[in-house]
Amino acid sequence: MAHFGHQLIDSVRHLGRGHTIDPGSLQTRLTAGVVLASLVGIGALAAWMGWRMQQILLNSYRQGTALMADRLQEDVRYYSQRMPPQEALERVVNYRATGDLAIWVETAPGLRLVQSETLTMGSWQTSGVSAALLSTAIPAGVKLMTVQGWRLVVCASPLDVPGLAPATLYIAADVTAEYQGLQQLVRMLLLTSLGLISLLSIAFALYIRRTLSPIRRLNRLAGQVTADTLDRPLNLESAPTELQELVRSYNLMLARLDKAWGQQKRLVNDVSHELRTPLSLVQGYLESTLRRGQNLTAAQREGLEIAAAEASRTTRMLSEILDLARLTNGPGVLNLEPTPLQDVVHRAVAIAAATQPSAVDRLRVAAWTPVVARVDRQKLHTALVELIDNALRYGDPQQPVQVSLTAEAGWAAIQVQDQGAGIPAPCQGDIFEPFYRVDETRSRSSGGTGLGLTLVRSLVEAMAGQISVQSQPNCGSVFTLRIPLHDQS
């Protein structure tokens, strides 16, 4: 028993540590329903028992007082045969009266034939109970009265004794102590009921929590499902039958998703690979024709230039699709090794400047901190070139593009900042999605494929890094790559 008590206390502490109550959870609703039902049931039972005990006690006093009134009349009639009726009445009244029982007889209101010495006792007198009783009109019968804070069972019955005028017999029994004891008992019963309800609530909460634990485990396992784990079915051996059926349906859905995902990857790889080769041949033929086509008319040259540009753009898009497809197969395609990031940043800035000669004067290096991180040099270089190229393409041609490399709290931060039109806040969460464009009107004129930022995010996350953007309309944008520093210890 002691071991169970300690286990219950430890479970309660575990429930209350670091957990907030969710009104919408199934556990909270079930626990609240059971606690409410227990509270209503046990509370109603305790209240009924208290009321019933009070009624039994008061009925017993009522019956005792009525019985005493009958016996007192019999005693007066008996002694009236041996002595004068008035003397017999006084003798019986004084004999039957006690410290908690007062008796008096009245022939008319305010005209008393006899009264017991109890009414003249100090407690009855000083509290004002005697005066209040004698001045109150009491109807015939037995009733419970509250007089000056005292609880009294008062009985009024006719008294018919030969030799005496018709009178009324009054008996008042003080049940204050018994009533207070009953009230204390009722309070103890209610407190015990509350304690029992509390223990039952905790027990029910633990039972419901244990019952719902397979659902929480299923939710946790489902949250861990990724594209790489679609072929791993969920398994809950000790779960209830209904939950086992849900797990089987869920595993069937995973199997279908795994099959569809595999088909999609194969389709993307095959289509991209099969299209890139002929497109490269077409692009090479067009560029060769343009170089040797001295006899081409202006219209012919313009048409061939447009076709070559579109072929180049499509080839680049297919290459990016292939890179994304390879990254979805897992980070194994990356060659991660400790690399000085300043070398990668410097080379990316040089390549971007060479790609757009008119932007050489716009590139600025704002900060330069030598740091080492475990990255794929070529992939990180590709991501940085894409970011710098976007900043040069979409930024204000008259404003510089700043590139910085800093270290902070175990992370290397590479920032690319432009002074362009900026990105609206509702669009900032979508710019890393495939083929998403903030401004559709310049999708073709800019020469982008719509996959650059998607590829950048995939490459950075594959190297355990993070990418974020801060931007305001007409104030430019700041793209930040955060990569964990290499621990050389």
Protein backbone atom coordinates (compact mmCIF):
# COMPACT_ATOMS: atom_id res chain seq x y z
CA MET A 1 0.00 0.00 0.00
CA ALA A 2 2.81 2.41 0.86
CA HIS A 3 4.51 1.58 -2.42
CA PHE A 4 1.28 2.33 -4.32
CA GLY A 5 0.91 5.63 -2.48
CA HIS A 6 4.45 6.70 -3.41
CA GLN A 7 3.86 5.63 -7.01
CA LEU A 8 0.63 7.68 -7.12
CA ILE A 9 2.41 10.75 -5.73
CA ASP A 10 5.24 10.40 -8.25
CA SER A 11 2.72 10.09 -11.08
CA VAL A 12 0.87 13.20 -9.92
CA ARG A 13 4.14 15.15 -9.79
CA HIS A 14 4.96 13.92 -13.29
CA LEU A 15 1.55 15.06 -14.53
CA GLY A 16 1.94 18.53 -13.07
CA ARG A 17 5.53 19.12 -14.22
CA GLY A 18 5.83 21.04 -17.46
CA HIS A 19 2.31 20.21 -18.66
CA THR A 20 -0.40 22.72 -19.44
CA ILE A 21 -4.08 21.89 -19.48
CA ASP A 22 -5.50 21.81 -23.00
CA PRO A 23 -9.31 22.26 -22.81
CA GLY A 24 -9.69 20.76 -26.27
CA SER A 25 -7.76 17.53 -25.62
CA LEU A 26 -9.56 14.22 -25.29
CA GLN A 27 -7.78 13.48 -22.01
CA THR A 28 -8.97 16.76 -20.45
CA ARG A 29 -12.54 16.21 -21.62
CA LEU A 30 -12.72 12.62 -20.38
CA THR A 31 -11.12 13.54 -17.04
CA ALA A 32 -13.44 16.53 -16.60
CA GLY A 33 -16.48 14.40 -17.43
CA VAL A 34 -15.53 11.67 -14.97
CA VAL A 35 -14.65 14.20 -12.25
CA LEU A 36 -17.92 16.07 -12.79
CA ALA A 37 -19.92 12.85 -12.64
CA SER A 38 -18.06 11.80 -9.47
CA LEU A 39 -18.55 15.23 -7.95
CA VAL A 40 -22.28 15.21 -8.66
CA GLY A 41 -22.78 11.60 -7.58
CA ILE A 42 -20.68 11.56 -4.42
CA GLY A 43 -21.67 15.12 -3.51
CA ALA A 44 -25.36 14.32 -3.89
CA LEU A 45 -24.92 11.13 -1.84
CA ALA A 46 -23.07 13.00 0.92
CA ALA A 47 -25.67 15.77 0.97
CA TRP A 48 -28.50 13.25 1.12
CA MET A 49 -26.82 11.32 3.92
CA GLY A 50 -26.30 14.53 5.91
CA TRP A 51 -29.91 15.59 5.40
CA ARG A 52 -31.14 12.13 6.26
CA MET A 53 -29.11 12.00 9.49
CA GLN A 54 -30.44 15.41 10.48
CA GLN A 55 -34.02 14.30 9.85
CA ILE A 56 -33.51 11.11 11.85
CA LEU A 57 -32.07 13.07 14.80
CA LEU A 58 -34.81 15.69 14.77
CA ASN A 59 -37.56 13.07 14.39
CA SER A 60 -36.18 11.16 17.35
CA TYR A 61 -36.29 14.33 19.47
CA ARG A 62 -39.77 15.13 18.24
CA GLN A 63 -40.97 11.67 19.14
CA GLY A 64 -39.21 11.80 22.51
CA THR A 65 -40.69 15.18 23.35
CA ALA A 66 -44.21 14.09 22.34
CA LEU A 67 -43.83 10.89 24.37
CA MET A 68 -42.68 12.90 27.40
CA ALA A 69 -45.73 15.14 27.09
CA ASP A 70 -48.04 12.09 27.16
CA ARG A 71 -46.27 10.55 30.17
CA LEU A 72 -46.25 13.85 32.02
CA GLN A 73 -50.02 14.09 31.67
CA GLU A 74 -50.40 10.51 32.90
CA ASP A 75 -48.20 11.27 35.91
CA VAL A 76 -50.22 14.38 36.77
CA ARG A 77 -53.48 12.43 36.62
CA TYR A 78 -51.98 9.70 38.79
CA TYR A 79 -50.68 12.04 41.49
CA SER A 80 -53.89 14.10 41.43
CA GLN A 81 -55.62 11.16 43.05
CA ARG A 82 -53.35 11.46 46.12
CA MET A 83 -52.81 15.21 46.41
CA PRO A 84 -54.30 18.44 45.13
CA PRO A 85 -54.03 18.75 41.33
CA GLN A 86 -51.95 21.95 41.51
CA GLU A 87 -49.44 20.33 43.87
CA ALA A 88 -49.34 17.19 41.71
CA LEU A 89 -48.69 19.28 38.61
CA GLU A 90 -45.81 21.17 40.27
CA ARG A 91 -44.30 17.94 41.57
CA VAL A 92 -44.38 16.16 38.20
CA VAL A 93 -43.04 19.22 36.32
CA ASN A 94 -40.06 19.62 38.65
CA TYR A 95 -39.41 15.87 38.55
CA ARG A 96 -39.43 15.61 34.77
CA ALA A 97 -37.47 18.84 34.07
CA THR A 98 -33.69 18.72 33.55
CA GLY A 99 -30.99 21.22 32.74
CA ASP A 100 -31.71 20.82 29.01
CA LEU A 101 -35.47 20.38 29.32
CA ALA A 102 -37.87 23.20 30.29
CA ILE A 103 -41.58 22.63 31.09
CA TRP A 104 -44.35 25.10 31.74
CA VAL A 105 -48.16 25.11 31.75
CA GLU A 106 -50.39 28.00 30.75
CA THR A 107 -54.14 28.37 30.97
CA ALA A 108 -54.04 31.42 28.75
CA PRO A 109 -51.28 33.37 27.01
CA GLY A 110 -49.15 34.92 29.75
CA LEU A 111 -51.04 33.14 32.61
CA ARG A 112 -48.85 30.28 33.82
CA LEU A 113 -49.97 27.68 36.30
CA VAL A 114 -46.50 26.26 36.82
CA GLN A 115 -43.02 26.34 35.28
CA SER A 116 -39.87 24.31 35.88
CA GLU A 117 -36.82 25.74 37.58
CA THR A 118 -34.94 25.30 34.27
CA LEU A 119 -36.46 28.53 32.98
CA THR A 120 -34.90 30.43 35.87
CA MET A 121 -31.44 28.95 35.45
CA GLY A 122 -28.56 31.28 34.62
CA SER A 123 -27.88 30.09 31.05
CA TRP A 124 -31.55 30.16 30.07
CA GLN A 125 -32.03 33.55 31.71
CA THR A 126 -28.84 35.36 30.64
CA SER A 127 -29.15 34.24 27.04
CA GLY A 128 -32.72 35.53 26.86
CA VAL A 129 -34.07 32.14 25.81
CA SER A 130 -36.56 31.93 28.73
CA ALA A 131 -38.06 35.35 28.03
CA ALA A 132 -38.25 34.67 24.30
CA LEU A 133 -39.92 31.30 24.79
CA LEU A 134 -42.49 32.55 27.29
CA SER A 135 -43.42 35.50 25.10
CA THR A 136 -43.70 33.55 21.83
CA ALA A 137 -47.00 32.10 20.65
CA ILE A 138 -46.29 28.43 20.07
CA PRO A 139 -48.80 26.47 17.97
CA ALA A 140 -49.88 22.98 18.93
CA GLY A 141 -47.62 20.18 17.83
CA VAL A 142 -43.88 19.48 17.79
CA LYS A 143 -41.50 21.73 15.88
CA LEU A 144 -37.85 22.79 15.73
CA MET A 145 -37.25 26.40 16.70
CA THR A 146 -34.24 28.68 16.77
CA VAL A 147 -34.35 30.99 19.78
CA GLN A 148 -31.46 33.38 20.48
CA GLY A 149 -29.11 31.08 18.59
CA TRP A 150 -30.30 27.99 20.50
CA ARG A 151 -31.81 25.00 18.73
CA LEU A 152 -34.94 23.86 20.62
CA VAL A 153 -37.48 21.12 19.99
CA VAL A 154 -40.71 22.58 21.33
CA CYS A 155 -43.91 20.57 21.97
CA ALA A 156 -47.29 22.16 22.74
CA SER A 157 -50.20 19.87 23.67
CA PRO A 158 -53.52 20.30 25.58
CA LEU A 159 -53.48 19.34 29.28
CA ASP A 160 -56.78 18.10 30.70
CA VAL A 161 -56.53 17.23 34.40
CA PRO A 162 -59.59 16.95 36.67
CA GLY A 163 -59.63 19.80 39.16
CA LEU A 164 -57.65 22.15 36.91
CA ALA A 165 -58.78 24.55 34.26
CA PRO A 166 -58.07 23.53 30.66
CA ALA A 167 -54.43 24.38 29.98
CA THR A 168 -51.63 23.89 27.49
CA LEU A 169 -48.49 21.94 28.31
CA TYR A 170 -45.23 23.26 26.79
CA ILE A 171 -42.01 21.26 26.69
CA ALA A 172 -38.77 22.74 25.26
CA ALA A 173 -35.72 20.48 24.82
CA ASP A 174 -32.32 22.09 24.12
CA VAL A 175 -30.68 20.16 21.23
CA THR A 176 -28.07 22.81 20.37
CA ALA A 177 -25.09 20.61 21.20
CA GLU A 178 -26.50 17.65 19.32
CA TYR A 179 -27.36 19.84 16.34
CA GLN A 180 -23.87 21.33 16.25
CA GLY A 181 -22.38 17.86 16.48
CA LEU A 182 -24.57 16.80 13.59
CA GLN A 183 -23.44 19.82 11.56
CA GLN A 184 -19.81 18.98 12.31
CA LEU A 185 -20.44 15.41 11.22
CA VAL A 186 -22.02 16.63 7.99
CA ARG A 187 -19.03 18.90 7.33
CA MET A 188 -16.63 16.03 7.95
CA LEU A 189 -18.69 13.89 5.59
CA LEU A 190 -18.50 16.57 2.89
CA LEU A 191 -14.75 17.04 3.38
CA THR A 192 -14.25 13.29 3.21
CA SER A 193 -16.30 13.23 0.04
CA LEU A 194 -14.14 15.99 -1.47
CA GLY A 195 -10.99 14.09 -0.54
CA LEU A 196 -12.40 10.93 -2.06
CA ILE A 197 -13.37 12.82 -5.21
CA SER A 198 -9.84 14.27 -5.42
CA LEU A 199 -8.25 10.83 -5.13
CA LEU A 200 -10.68 9.40 -7.66
CA SER A 201 -9.95 12.32 -10.00
CA ILE A 202 -6.21 11.66 -9.84
CA ALA A 203 -6.75 7.93 -10.29
CA PHE A 204 -9.07 8.51 -13.26
CA ALA A 205 -6.63 11.04 -14.78
CA LEU A 206 -3.77 8.53 -14.54
CA TYR A 207 -5.95 5.76 -15.96
CA ILE A 208 -7.15 7.92 -18.85
CA ARG A 209 -3.60 9.13 -19.50
CA ARG A 210 -2.40 5.53 -19.62
CA THR A 211 -5.32 4.56 -21.87
CA LEU A 212 -4.60 7.39 -24.31
CA SER A 213 -0.83 6.84 -24.35
CA PRO A 214 -1.00 4.69 -27.53
CA ILE A 215 -2.71 7.59 -29.32
CA ARG A 216 0.04 9.98 -28.22
CA ARG A 217 2.66 7.47 -29.32
CA LEU A 218 0.94 7.11 -32.69
CA ASN A 219 0.88 10.89 -33.05
CA ARG A 220 4.59 11.08 -32.17
CA LEU A 221 5.49 8.34 -34.65
CA ALA A 222 3.36 9.95 -37.36
CA GLY A 223 5.13 13.27 -36.75
CA GLN A 224 8.47 11.56 -37.40
CA VAL A 225 7.44 10.26 -40.82
CA THR A 226 9.44 11.81 -43.66
CA ALA A 227 10.00 11.01 -47.30
CA ASP A 228 12.91 8.78 -46.26
CA THR A 229 10.84 6.76 -43.75
CA LEU A 230 7.70 6.08 -45.79
CA ASP A 231 8.76 2.43 -46.12
CA ARG A 232 8.80 1.93 -42.34
CA PRO A 233 5.32 0.95 -41.08
CA LEU A 234 4.11 1.98 -37.63
CA ASN A 235 3.79 -0.75 -35.00
CA LEU A 236 1.73 -0.53 -31.79
CA GLU A 237 1.46 -4.05 -30.42
CA SER A 238 -0.19 -3.23 -27.07
CA ALA A 239 -2.71 -0.75 -28.47
CA PRO A 240 -6.48 -1.34 -28.26
CA THR A 241 -8.27 -3.02 -31.15
CA GLU A 242 -9.75 0.24 -32.47
CA LEU A 243 -6.32 1.85 -32.54
CA GLN A 244 -4.81 -1.19 -34.22
CA GLU A 245 -7.33 -0.74 -37.04
CA LEU A 246 -6.27 2.91 -37.34
CA VAL A 247 -2.61 1.86 -37.47
CA ARG A 248 -3.34 -0.64 -40.24
CA SER A 249 -5.14 2.03 -42.27
CA TYR A 250 -2.29 4.46 -41.63
CA ASN A 251 0.34 1.92 -42.73
CA LEU A 252 -1.67 1.27 -45.88
CA MET A 253 -1.64 5.00 -46.58
CA LEU A 254 2.14 5.12 -45.99
CA ALA A 255 2.64 2.28 -48.44
CA ARG A 256 0.64 4.12 -51.10
CA LEU A 257 2.55 7.35 -50.44
CA ASP A 258 5.88 5.49 -50.64
CA LYS A 259 4.90 3.99 -53.98
CA ALA A 260 3.72 7.35 -55.34
CA TRP A 261 6.83 9.11 -54.03
CA GLY A 262 9.10 6.55 -55.71
CA GLN A 263 7.24 6.91 -58.98
CA GLN A 264 7.51 10.69 -58.78
CA LYS A 265 11.26 10.60 -58.12
CA ARG A 266 11.83 8.20 -61.00
CA LEU A 267 9.70 10.33 -63.30
CA VAL A 268 11.56 13.53 -62.41
CA ASN A 269 14.96 11.89 -62.79
CA ASP A 270 14.10 10.19 -66.07
CA VAL A 271 12.39 13.18 -67.65
CA SER A 272 15.09 15.63 -66.55
CA HIS A 273 17.88 13.36 -67.76
CA GLU A 274 16.21 12.50 -71.06
CA LEU A 275 15.38 16.14 -71.85
CA ARG A 276 18.66 17.71 -70.81
CA THR A 277 20.77 15.91 -73.43
CA PRO A 278 18.71 16.89 -76.51
CA LEU A 279 18.23 20.41 -75.16
CA SER A 280 21.99 20.76 -74.74
CA LEU A 281 22.44 19.66 -78.35
CA VAL A 282 19.80 22.15 -79.54
CA GLN A 283 21.41 24.94 -77.52
CA GLY A 284 24.85 24.13 -78.91
CA TYR A 285 23.53 24.03 -82.49
CA LEU A 286 21.76 27.42 -82.05
CA GLU A 287 24.83 29.08 -80.53
CA SER A 288 27.02 27.64 -83.30
CA THR A 289 24.63 28.93 -85.96
CA LEU A 290 24.65 32.39 -84.38
CA ARG A 291 28.47 32.49 -84.37
CA ARG A 292 28.75 31.46 -88.03
CA GLY A 293 25.63 33.17 -89.33
CA GLN A 294 27.10 36.31 -90.85
CA ASN A 295 24.45 36.22 -93.59
CA LEU A 296 21.48 36.06 -91.17
CA THR A 297 18.93 38.81 -91.34
CA ALA A 298 18.10 40.82 -88.20
CA ALA A 299 14.80 38.96 -87.71
CA GLN A 300 16.47 35.57 -88.12
CA ARG A 301 19.22 36.47 -85.66
CA GLU A 302 16.70 37.74 -83.12
CA GLY A 303 14.66 34.55 -83.40
CA LEU A 304 17.74 32.35 -82.98
CA GLU A 305 18.92 34.40 -79.98
CA ILE A 306 15.52 34.02 -78.29
CA ALA A 307 15.51 30.27 -78.99
CA ALA A 308 19.06 29.89 -77.61
CA ALA A 309 18.18 31.88 -74.47
CA GLU A 310 15.09 29.76 -73.83
CA ALA A 311 17.06 26.55 -74.44
CA SER A 312 19.71 27.74 -71.98
CA ARG A 313 17.06 28.63 -69.41
CA THR A 314 15.30 25.29 -69.79
CA THR A 315 18.60 23.39 -69.53
CA ARG A 316 19.45 25.27 -66.35
CA MET A 317 16.01 24.52 -64.90
CA LEU A 318 16.39 20.82 -65.67
CA SER A 319 19.79 20.81 -63.97
CA GLU A 320 18.27 22.39 -60.87
CA ILE A 321 15.42 19.86 -60.90
CA LEU A 322 17.98 17.05 -61.05
CA ASP A 323 19.91 18.57 -58.13
CA LEU A 324 16.72 18.83 -56.08
CA ALA A 325 15.83 15.24 -56.92
CA ARG A 326 19.24 14.04 -55.78
CA LEU A 327 18.95 15.99 -52.53
CA THR A 328 15.59 14.38 -51.74
CA ASN A 329 17.34 11.01 -51.82
CA GLY A 330 19.28 12.00 -48.70
CA PRO A 331 22.38 13.94 -47.67
CA GLY A 332 24.68 11.15 -48.82
CA VAL A 333 25.24 12.95 -52.10
CA LEU A 334 27.10 15.73 -50.24
CA ASN A 335 30.83 15.71 -49.57
CA LEU A 336 30.98 17.32 -46.15
CA GLU A 337 34.42 18.36 -44.88
CA PRO A 338 35.90 21.16 -42.73
CA THR A 339 36.16 24.18 -45.02
CA PRO A 340 37.29 27.80 -44.48
CA LEU A 341 34.12 29.69 -45.34
CA GLN A 342 35.97 32.88 -46.28
CA ASP A 343 37.46 31.05 -49.29
CA VAL A 344 34.00 29.90 -50.42
CA VAL A 345 32.48 33.36 -49.99
CA HIS A 346 35.38 35.03 -51.81
CA ARG A 347 35.10 32.63 -54.75
CA ALA A 348 31.30 33.04 -54.92
CA VAL A 349 31.64 36.85 -55.01
CA ALA A 350 34.26 36.58 -57.78
CA ILE A 351 32.11 34.20 -59.87
CA ALA A 352 29.02 36.41 -59.47
CA ALA A 353 31.00 39.48 -60.50
CA ALA A 354 32.39 37.66 -63.54
CA THR A 355 28.92 36.52 -64.56
CA GLN A 356 27.61 40.10 -64.51
CA PRO A 357 30.55 42.41 -65.36
CA SER A 358 28.36 45.50 -64.96
CA ALA A 359 27.86 44.61 -61.28
CA VAL A 360 31.55 44.54 -60.30
CA ASP A 361 31.37 47.95 -58.65
CA ARG A 362 28.15 47.07 -56.79
CA LEU A 363 29.50 44.12 -54.76
CA ARG A 364 30.71 45.06 -51.27
CA VAL A 365 32.15 42.89 -48.50
CA ALA A 366 30.81 44.43 -45.27
CA ALA A 367 32.41 42.05 -42.72
CA TRP A 368 34.91 39.21 -42.95
CA THR A 369 35.52 36.79 -40.07
CA PRO A 370 37.69 33.70 -40.74
CA VAL A 371 35.63 30.65 -39.70
CA VAL A 372 35.65 26.93 -40.44
CA ALA A 373 32.51 24.83 -40.95
CA ARG A 374 31.82 21.29 -42.12
CA VAL A 375 30.19 21.83 -45.51
CA ASP A 376 30.21 20.72 -49.11
CA ARG A 377 32.40 23.39 -50.68
CA GLN A 378 30.88 23.14 -54.18
CA LYS A 379 27.24 23.03 -52.98
CA LEU A 380 27.69 25.98 -50.64
CA HIS A 381 29.41 27.87 -53.45
CA THR A 382 26.39 27.14 -55.68
CA ALA A 383 23.97 28.41 -53.04
CA LEU A 384 25.94 31.63 -52.47
CA VAL A 385 26.25 32.34 -56.19
CA GLU A 386 22.48 31.93 -56.53
CA LEU A 387 21.80 34.35 -53.67
CA ILE A 388 24.29 36.96 -54.92
CA ASP A 389 22.97 36.60 -58.47
CA ASN A 390 19.39 37.18 -57.22
CA ALA A 391 20.49 40.24 -55.25
CA LEU A 392 22.22 41.71 -58.32
CA ARG A 393 19.30 40.85 -60.60
CA TYR A 394 16.43 42.14 -58.42
CA GLY A 395 18.23 44.88 -56.47
CA ASP A 396 18.48 48.55 -57.40
CA PRO A 397 21.16 48.84 -60.13
CA GLN A 398 22.39 52.07 -58.52
CA GLN A 399 22.77 50.56 -55.04
CA PRO A 400 25.47 48.15 -53.72
CA VAL A 401 25.00 44.52 -52.73
CA GLN A 402 26.70 43.72 -49.43
CA VAL A 403 28.06 40.29 -48.48
CA SER A 404 29.23 39.58 -44.93
CA LEU A 405 30.65 36.61 -43.01
CA THR A 406 30.46 36.61 -39.20
CA ALA A 407 30.46 34.10 -36.34
CA GLU A 408 27.99 34.09 -33.46
CA ALA A 409 27.23 31.51 -30.72
CA GLY A 410 28.58 28.46 -32.55
CA TRP A 411 27.16 29.45 -35.92
CA ALA A 412 28.64 31.03 -39.04
CA ALA A 413 26.34 33.66 -40.54
CA ILE A 414 26.61 34.62 -44.20
CA GLN A 415 24.42 37.55 -45.20
CA VAL A 416 23.58 38.87 -48.67
CA GLN A 417 21.86 42.26 -48.59
CA ASP A 418 20.42 44.26 -51.48
CA GLN A 419 18.58 47.58 -51.77
CA GLY A 420 15.82 46.45 -54.10
CA ALA A 421 12.03 46.59 -54.04
CA GLY A 422 11.86 44.16 -51.12
CA ILE A 423 9.51 41.24 -50.52
CA PRO A 424 6.00 41.73 -49.03
CA ALA A 425 5.54 40.06 -45.63
CA PRO A 426 2.79 37.64 -46.84
CA CYS A 427 5.14 36.34 -49.53
CA GLN A 428 8.25 35.79 -47.40
CA GLY A 429 7.14 32.34 -46.26
CA ASP A 430 6.55 31.16 -49.84
CA ILE A 431 9.60 32.38 -51.74
CA PHE A 432 11.48 29.14 -51.02
CA GLU A 433 8.73 27.02 -52.62
CA PRO A 434 9.34 25.66 -56.15
CA PHE A 435 8.34 27.98 -59.00
CA TYR A 436 6.99 30.66 -56.65
CA ARG A 437 7.46 34.24 -57.84
CA VAL A 438 6.66 37.45 -55.99
CA ASP A 439 6.16 39.32 -59.26
CA GLU A 440 4.84 37.15 -62.10
CA THR A 441 5.27 39.98 -64.63
CA ARG A 442 9.06 39.75 -64.52
CA SER A 443 9.39 35.96 -64.42
CA ARG A 444 10.59 35.76 -68.01
CA SER A 445 12.50 39.00 -68.23
CA SER A 446 14.63 38.20 -65.19
CA GLY A 447 15.84 34.93 -66.65
CA GLY A 448 15.20 32.96 -63.46
CA THR A 449 13.78 29.45 -63.31
CA GLY A 450 11.79 29.73 -60.07
CA LEU A 451 13.86 26.97 -58.46
CA GLY A 452 16.91 28.92 -57.29
CA LEU A 453 15.82 29.69 -53.73
CA THR A 454 14.28 26.22 -53.39
CA LEU A 455 17.65 24.69 -54.31
CA VAL A 456 19.47 27.05 -51.93
CA ARG A 457 17.25 26.03 -49.00
CA SER A 458 17.64 22.32 -49.79
CA LEU A 459 21.42 22.60 -50.03
CA VAL A 460 21.77 24.59 -46.79
CA GLU A 461 19.43 22.31 -44.81
CA ALA A 462 21.29 19.25 -46.14
CA MET A 463 24.41 20.72 -44.48
CA ALA A 464 22.51 21.14 -41.16
CA GLY A 465 22.17 24.86 -41.79
CA GLN A 466 19.32 27.36 -41.83
CA ILE A 467 18.22 30.10 -44.21
CA SER A 468 16.02 33.08 -43.40
CA VAL A 469 14.98 36.34 -45.01
CA GLN A 470 14.24 39.77 -43.63
CA SER A 471 12.67 42.23 -46.00
CA GLN A 472 10.46 45.30 -46.21
CA PRO A 473 8.91 46.78 -49.34
CA ASN A 474 11.16 49.45 -50.92
CA CYS A 475 13.87 48.79 -48.30
CA GLY A 476 15.61 45.76 -49.78
CA SER A 477 16.12 42.23 -48.49
CA VAL A 478 18.65 40.41 -46.30
CA PHE A 479 19.15 36.66 -46.83
CA THR A 480 21.02 34.95 -43.99
CA LEU A 481 22.66 31.52 -44.13
CA ARG A 482 23.49 30.05 -40.72
CA ILE A 483 25.81 27.03 -40.68
CA PRO A 484 27.14 25.25 -37.54
CA LEU A 485 30.83 25.92 -36.89
CA HIS A 486 33.23 22.99 -37.05
CA ASP A 487 34.26 21.73 -33.61
CA GLN A 488 38.01 21.29 -33.91
CA SER A 489 38.37 19.78 -30.43
